[in-house]
């Protein structure tokens, strides 16, 4: 498992974007999406809609994962 961020492509509301996260965050994000019965792209789109414009998508996903495991 790499500690360096790894870039993955996502499709958010029909638009492609890429997000760089560490492997541990990608793994946890996929697990959360599976628990919720949602595709990763759908969960990422929800997070994207809820985040403020002062925060990047990668940071928003990291915080989402952290809040999920540390309520």
Protein backbone atom coordinates (compact mmCIF):
# COMPACT_ATOMS: atom_id res chain seq x y z
CA UNK A 1 0.00 0.00 0.00
CA UNK A 2 1.43 3.33 -1.05
CA UNK A 3 1.47 6.39 1.18
CA UNK A 4 1.60 8.62 -1.87
CA UNK A 5 -1.64 9.91 -3.38
CA UNK A 6 -2.82 7.96 -6.40
CA UNK A 7 -4.96 9.59 -9.09
CA UNK A 8 -8.25 7.99 -10.13
CA UNK A 9 -10.85 9.22 -12.60
CA UNK A 10 -14.42 9.81 -11.48
CA UNK A 11 -17.52 10.84 -13.37
CA UNK A 12 -19.60 13.43 -11.54
CA UNK A 13 -22.93 14.28 -13.15
CA UNK A 14 -21.61 13.35 -16.58
CA UNK A 15 -18.27 15.16 -16.29
CA UNK A 16 -14.94 13.40 -15.87
CA UNK A 17 -12.57 14.57 -13.16
CA UNK A 18 -9.60 13.06 -11.39
CA UNK A 19 -8.98 12.88 -7.66
CA UNK A 20 -5.73 12.01 -5.91
CA UNK A 21 -6.04 10.09 -2.65
CA UNK A 22 -3.82 7.72 -0.71
CA UNK A 23 -4.60 4.00 -1.17
CA UNK A 24 -6.04 3.72 2.36
CA UNK A 25 -8.56 6.47 1.60
CA UNK A 26 -9.52 4.90 -1.76
CA UNK A 27 -10.05 1.55 -0.05
CA UNK A 28 -12.14 3.08 2.74
CA UNK A 29 -14.13 5.20 0.27
CA UNK A 30 -14.98 2.11 -1.81
CA UNK A 31 -16.02 0.24 1.36
CA UNK A 32 -18.32 3.07 2.44
CA UNK A 33 -19.91 3.26 -1.01
CA UNK A 34 -20.50 -0.51 -0.96
CA UNK A 35 -22.03 -0.30 2.55
CA UNK A 36 -24.42 2.36 1.28
CA UNK A 37 -25.19 0.38 -1.89
CA UNK A 38 -23.99 3.22 -4.11
CA UNK A 39 -21.45 3.43 -6.89
CA UNK A 40 -18.31 5.35 -5.95
CA UNK A 41 -19.14 7.99 -8.57
CA UNK A 42 -22.58 8.59 -7.03
CA UNK A 43 -21.16 8.99 -3.52
CA UNK A 44 -18.42 11.29 -4.84
CA UNK A 45 -21.09 13.40 -6.58
CA UNK A 46 -23.00 13.74 -3.28
CA UNK A 47 -19.84 14.82 -1.48
CA UNK A 48 -19.02 17.22 -4.30
CA UNK A 49 -22.45 18.87 -4.06
CA UNK A 50 -22.20 19.25 -0.29
CA UNK A 51 -18.67 20.66 -0.11
CA UNK A 52 -17.96 24.35 0.01
CA UNK A 53 -16.08 26.03 -2.79
CA UNK A 54 -13.19 26.66 -0.38
CA UNK A 55 -12.44 22.91 -0.19
CA UNK A 56 -11.13 20.60 -2.87
CA UNK A 57 -12.89 17.34 -3.68
CA UNK A 58 -10.01 15.18 -2.44
CA UNK A 59 -10.05 16.94 0.93
CA UNK A 60 -13.84 16.62 1.12
CA UNK A 61 -13.60 12.87 0.47
CA UNK A 62 -10.89 12.44 3.11
CA UNK A 63 -13.01 14.27 5.69
CA UNK A 64 -16.08 12.22 4.71
CA UNK A 65 -14.14 8.99 5.26
CA UNK A 66 -12.76 10.26 8.57
CA UNK A 67 -16.22 11.27 9.81
CA UNK A 68 -17.62 7.90 8.76
CA UNK A 69 -15.14 6.00 10.92
CA UNK A 70 -14.91 8.59 13.73
CA UNK A 71 -18.47 9.86 14.24
